Structure formats: C-alpha cells, structure tokens
C-alpha cells in the first residue's frame, strides 16, 4: 500500500493502519488549519472595513 499524498510505500504498521505516511500526515494537518493561498481571514476583512469606515467618517465630517 502506498501513501495517497506522496505515493511512497507505507512500511510501518501504524502508517498502514492510518493509510498515510507520518510526514504527509503532518503536512495535511497543517493545511487543514490554514486558509487557501490568497484568501483573507475574517480579521483582515474587518480591519480593512474599519479603515474604510474611518476614512468615510472623516470625509463626511
């Protein structure tokens, strides 16, 4: 059986039971917790909106 990520043969019983190699498992877990490249987070969006609100408030006043 091969790792579905890197296609290398799985050797240990633990890797065989999980169906993924240990290095690839770490890489996949890191990717699960991060947004796709180029996508902004909600915090970044709110920061940008608050800056726009401040500029608008100054223009109106």
Protein backbone atom coordinates (compact mmCIF):
# COMPACT_ATOMS: atom_id res chain seq x y z
CA UNK A 1 0.00 0.00 0.00
CA UNK A 2 1.25 3.50 -0.89
CA UNK A 3 0.72 6.88 0.73
CA UNK A 4 -2.06 8.72 -1.13
CA UNK A 5 -0.17 12.03 -0.84
CA UNK A 6 3.38 11.19 -1.94
CA UNK A 7 2.82 7.71 -3.40
CA UNK A 8 5.69 6.19 -1.40
CA UNK A 9 5.24 2.73 0.10
CA UNK A 10 3.90 2.65 3.64
CA UNK A 11 6.17 0.50 5.81
CA UNK A 12 5.14 0.69 9.46
CA UNK A 13 2.04 -0.94 10.89
CA UNK A 14 0.92 2.44 12.20
CA UNK A 15 1.19 4.07 8.76
CA UNK A 16 -0.55 1.14 7.13
CA UNK A 17 -3.43 1.33 9.60
CA UNK A 18 -3.79 5.12 9.11
CA UNK A 19 -3.35 4.88 5.35
CA UNK A 20 -0.89 7.80 5.23
CA UNK A 21 2.79 8.33 5.98
CA UNK A 22 3.89 10.28 9.07
CA UNK A 23 5.44 13.22 7.18
CA UNK A 24 2.45 13.58 4.87
CA UNK A 25 0.07 13.34 7.83
CA UNK A 26 1.78 16.38 9.43
CA UNK A 27 1.62 18.32 6.14
CA UNK A 28 -2.07 17.55 5.68
CA UNK A 29 -2.91 18.62 9.25
CA UNK A 30 -1.12 21.94 8.71
CA UNK A 31 -3.08 22.56 5.51
CA UNK A 32 -6.41 21.81 7.20
CA UNK A 33 -5.93 24.71 9.61
CA UNK A 34 -4.86 27.37 7.15
CA UNK A 35 -6.90 29.32 4.61
CA UNK A 36 -6.19 28.76 0.92
CA UNK A 37 -3.44 30.93 -0.53
CA UNK A 38 -4.73 34.38 -1.39
CA UNK A 39 -7.84 34.13 0.78
CA UNK A 40 -8.12 36.74 3.51
CA UNK A 41 -9.24 35.92 7.02
CA UNK A 42 -12.27 37.46 8.69
CA UNK A 43 -9.94 39.51 10.92
CA UNK A 44 -8.21 41.00 7.88
CA UNK A 45 -11.57 41.82 6.31
CA UNK A 46 -12.82 43.54 9.46
CA UNK A 47 -9.58 45.54 9.75
CA UNK A 48 -9.94 46.75 6.17
CA UNK A 49 -13.59 47.67 6.77
CA UNK A 50 -12.78 49.65 9.92
CA UNK A 51 -10.15 51.65 7.99
CA UNK A 52 -12.72 52.40 5.27
CA UNK A 53 -15.24 53.45 7.93
CA UNK A 54 -12.71 55.84 9.48
CA UNK A 55 -11.92 57.42 6.11
CA UNK A 56 -15.63 57.77 5.30
CA UNK A 57 -16.32 59.35 8.70
CA UNK A 58 -13.59 61.94 8.12
CA UNK A 59 -14.93 62.76 4.63
CA UNK A 60 -18.48 63.21 5.91
CA UNK A 61 -17.48 65.42 8.85
